[in-house]
Each structure stands twice: as C-alpha cells, then as structure tokens.
C-alpha cells in the first residue's frame, strides 16, 4: 500500500476529530495517522491521491499534498 502525506490546517482536537470521522467513512482498507502538533496526516491506501485529497477537503480545512513516504 502507498503511504501519502498531507499537510492539513488543523488547530485543535476538533479538527483532528473531523479528519478521523471523514477518513473512517472510506472503510477498513484505509489506514491513517494524525500528528496534530505537526499538522500532518499520513494515509495508507490503494485509493488514488485525488480521492484522498477530496475526502480531506470535505473537512473544510486547507489541505496540501506533500507526496509519498
């Protein structure tokens, strides 16, 4: 599985909670980690990066793709 890194403009636990709820809707084949202090989200998935990006943007937060890790 490919591991993608995204920078997300999270400022609080509420933001990271919103990201968690959104990503959980993608199903069991998506694994993710959130680093709130660094404002980073790592997603392991076979889904296309564009789909992951659009999903994260549903949070209403600014999202930037940093590449694969």
N, C-alpha and C. Protein backbone atom coordinates (compact mmCIF):
# COMPACT_ATOMS: atom_id res chain seq x y z
N UNK A 1 0.84 -1.19 0.00
CA UNK A 1 0.00 0.00 0.00
C UNK A 1 0.88 1.25 0.00
N UNK A 2 0.42 2.27 -0.66
CA UNK A 2 1.15 3.53 -0.73
C UNK A 2 0.79 4.38 0.48
N UNK A 3 1.81 5.03 1.05
CA UNK A 3 1.59 5.93 2.19
C UNK A 3 1.74 7.36 1.71
N UNK A 4 0.65 8.13 1.80
CA UNK A 4 0.62 9.52 1.35
C UNK A 4 0.69 10.45 2.56
N UNK A 5 1.40 11.56 2.39
CA UNK A 5 1.48 12.56 3.46
C UNK A 5 0.76 13.83 3.03
N UNK A 6 -0.12 14.30 3.90
CA UNK A 6 -0.86 15.54 3.66
C UNK A 6 -0.63 16.50 4.82
N UNK A 7 -0.52 17.77 4.49
CA UNK A 7 -0.47 18.82 5.49
C UNK A 7 -1.88 19.40 5.57
N UNK A 8 -2.46 19.36 6.77
CA UNK A 8 -3.84 19.82 6.96
C UNK A 8 -3.84 20.91 8.03
N UNK A 9 -4.51 22.01 7.77
CA UNK A 9 -4.53 23.17 8.67
C UNK A 9 -5.38 22.90 9.91
N UNK A 10 -4.96 21.90 10.70
CA UNK A 10 -5.67 21.55 11.94
C UNK A 10 -5.15 22.42 13.08
N UNK A 11 -6.06 22.92 13.90
CA UNK A 11 -5.64 23.77 15.01
C UNK A 11 -6.03 23.21 16.38
N UNK A 12 -6.89 22.18 16.40
CA UNK A 12 -7.38 21.67 17.68
C UNK A 12 -7.82 20.21 17.56
N UNK A 13 -8.21 19.64 18.68
CA UNK A 13 -8.70 18.26 18.71
C UNK A 13 -9.98 18.10 17.88
N UNK A 14 -10.77 19.16 17.81
CA UNK A 14 -11.99 19.12 17.00
C UNK A 14 -11.66 18.91 15.53
N UNK A 15 -10.60 19.58 15.07
CA UNK A 15 -10.16 19.43 13.67
C UNK A 15 -9.71 18.00 13.40
N UNK A 16 -8.87 17.47 14.29
CA UNK A 16 -8.36 16.11 14.07
C UNK A 16 -9.50 15.09 14.20
N UNK A 17 -10.47 15.38 15.05
CA UNK A 17 -11.65 14.51 15.17
C UNK A 17 -12.46 14.50 13.89
N UNK A 18 -12.60 15.66 13.26
CA UNK A 18 -13.32 15.75 11.99
C UNK A 18 -12.61 14.94 10.91
N UNK A 19 -11.28 15.03 10.86
CA UNK A 19 -10.49 14.27 9.89
C UNK A 19 -10.66 12.78 10.14
N UNK A 20 -10.64 12.38 11.39
CA UNK A 20 -10.81 10.96 11.75
C UNK A 20 -12.17 10.46 11.27
N UNK A 21 -13.24 11.21 11.53
CA UNK A 21 -14.59 10.79 11.11
C UNK A 21 -14.69 10.67 9.59
N UNK A 22 -14.12 11.62 8.88
CA UNK A 22 -14.17 11.62 7.42
C UNK A 22 -13.41 10.41 6.85
N UNK A 23 -12.20 10.17 7.38
CA UNK A 23 -11.39 9.07 6.86
C UNK A 23 -11.96 7.71 7.22
N UNK A 24 -12.60 7.61 8.38
CA UNK A 24 -13.22 6.34 8.76
C UNK A 24 -14.33 5.92 7.79
N UNK A 25 -14.94 6.88 7.13
CA UNK A 25 -16.00 6.58 6.16
C UNK A 25 -15.47 5.90 4.90
N UNK A 26 -14.14 5.98 4.67
CA UNK A 26 -13.55 5.35 3.49
C UNK A 26 -13.44 3.84 3.62
N UNK A 27 -13.61 3.33 4.83
CA UNK A 27 -13.60 1.88 5.02
C UNK A 27 -12.33 1.35 5.67
N UNK A 28 -12.32 0.03 5.87
CA UNK A 28 -11.23 -0.64 6.57
C UNK A 28 -9.93 -0.69 5.77
N UNK A 29 -10.00 -0.54 4.45
CA UNK A 29 -8.79 -0.64 3.64
C UNK A 29 -7.93 0.62 3.72
N UNK A 30 -8.39 1.62 4.46
CA UNK A 30 -7.64 2.87 4.62
C UNK A 30 -7.11 2.95 6.05
N UNK A 31 -5.79 3.04 6.18
CA UNK A 31 -5.14 3.21 7.49
C UNK A 31 -4.57 4.62 7.52
N UNK A 32 -4.67 5.27 8.69
CA UNK A 32 -4.15 6.65 8.77
C UNK A 32 -3.61 6.97 10.14
N UNK A 33 -2.73 7.96 10.17
CA UNK A 33 -2.17 8.52 11.40
C UNK A 33 -2.32 10.03 11.32
N UNK A 34 -2.58 10.64 12.47
CA UNK A 34 -2.70 12.10 12.53
C UNK A 34 -1.70 12.63 13.55
N UNK A 35 -0.92 13.63 13.16
CA UNK A 35 0.01 14.31 14.05
C UNK A 35 -0.48 15.75 14.15
N UNK A 36 -1.28 16.02 15.15
CA UNK A 36 -1.88 17.35 15.30
C UNK A 36 -0.84 18.46 15.49
N UNK A 37 0.18 18.29 16.38
CA UNK A 37 1.17 19.38 16.53
C UNK A 37 1.89 19.73 15.24
N UNK A 38 2.18 18.74 14.40
CA UNK A 38 2.87 19.00 13.14
C UNK A 38 1.90 19.25 11.99
N UNK A 39 0.60 19.09 12.26
CA UNK A 39 -0.46 19.29 11.26
C UNK A 39 -0.30 18.37 10.05
N UNK A 40 0.09 17.12 10.32
CA UNK A 40 0.29 16.14 9.25
C UNK A 40 -0.68 14.98 9.38
N UNK A 41 -1.08 14.45 8.23
CA UNK A 41 -1.91 13.25 8.17
C UNK A 41 -1.25 12.31 7.18
N UNK A 42 -1.00 11.07 7.62
CA UNK A 42 -0.46 10.03 6.74
C UNK A 42 -1.57 9.04 6.48
N UNK A 43 -1.78 8.73 5.21
CA UNK A 43 -2.84 7.79 4.83
C UNK A 43 -2.22 6.67 4.00
N UNK A 44 -2.44 5.43 4.45
CA UNK A 44 -2.02 4.26 3.69
C UNK A 44 -3.25 3.70 3.00
N UNK A 45 -3.20 3.67 1.66
CA UNK A 45 -4.37 3.25 0.91
C UNK A 45 -4.00 2.95 -0.53
N UNK A 46 -4.81 2.12 -1.17
CA UNK A 46 -4.67 1.86 -2.61
C UNK A 46 -5.49 2.87 -3.42
N UNK A 47 -6.27 3.70 -2.73
CA UNK A 47 -7.10 4.69 -3.41
C UNK A 47 -6.20 5.76 -4.05
N UNK A 48 -6.70 6.38 -5.10
CA UNK A 48 -5.97 7.44 -5.78
C UNK A 48 -5.78 8.64 -4.85
N UNK A 49 -4.64 9.34 -5.02
CA UNK A 49 -4.35 10.50 -4.19
C UNK A 49 -5.44 11.56 -4.31
N UNK A 50 -5.99 11.75 -5.52
CA UNK A 50 -7.03 12.75 -5.74
C UNK A 50 -8.26 12.47 -4.89
N UNK A 51 -8.62 11.21 -4.75
CA UNK A 51 -9.78 10.83 -3.94
C UNK A 51 -9.50 11.14 -2.47
N UNK A 52 -8.30 10.82 -2.01
CA UNK A 52 -7.93 11.11 -0.62
C UNK A 52 -7.93 12.61 -0.37
N UNK A 53 -7.41 13.38 -1.31
CA UNK A 53 -7.35 14.84 -1.19
C UNK A 53 -8.77 15.43 -1.10
N UNK A 54 -9.65 15.00 -1.99
CA UNK A 54 -11.03 15.49 -1.98
C UNK A 54 -11.74 15.11 -0.68
N UNK A 55 -11.46 13.92 -0.19
CA UNK A 55 -12.06 13.47 1.07
C UNK A 55 -11.61 14.37 2.21
N UNK A 56 -10.32 14.65 2.29
CA UNK A 56 -9.80 15.53 3.35
C UNK A 56 -10.38 16.94 3.25
N UNK A 57 -10.57 17.44 2.04
CA UNK A 57 -11.11 18.79 1.85
C UNK A 57 -12.54 18.92 2.34
N UNK A 58 -13.25 17.80 2.47
CA UNK A 58 -14.62 17.84 2.99
C UNK A 58 -14.65 18.34 4.44
N UNK A 59 -13.50 18.34 5.10
CA UNK A 59 -13.42 18.85 6.48
C UNK A 59 -13.54 20.37 6.51
N UNK A 60 -13.37 21.02 5.35
CA UNK A 60 -13.40 22.48 5.31
C UNK A 60 -12.06 23.11 5.65
N UNK A 61 -11.05 22.26 5.87
CA UNK A 61 -9.72 22.75 6.21
C UNK A 61 -8.85 22.81 4.96
N UNK A 62 -7.83 23.65 5.01
CA UNK A 62 -6.88 23.73 3.89
C UNK A 62 -6.01 22.48 3.90
N UNK A 63 -5.84 21.88 2.71
CA UNK A 63 -5.08 20.64 2.59
C UNK A 63 -4.00 20.79 1.51
N UNK A 64 -2.81 20.29 1.82
CA UNK A 64 -1.69 20.32 0.87
C UNK A 64 -1.10 18.92 0.80
N UNK A 65 -0.85 18.43 -0.40
CA UNK A 65 -0.26 17.10 -0.58
C UNK A 65 1.26 17.23 -0.58
N UNK A 66 1.92 16.46 0.31
CA UNK A 66 3.38 16.53 0.41
C UNK A 66 4.08 15.41 -0.35
N UNK A 67 3.34 14.40 -0.81
CA UNK A 67 3.95 13.29 -1.55
C UNK A 67 3.84 11.98 -0.79
N UNK A 68 4.52 10.98 -1.34
CA UNK A 68 4.51 9.67 -0.71
C UNK A 68 5.68 9.54 0.24
N UNK A 69 5.52 8.69 1.23
CA UNK A 69 6.58 8.49 2.25
C UNK A 69 6.94 7.03 2.34
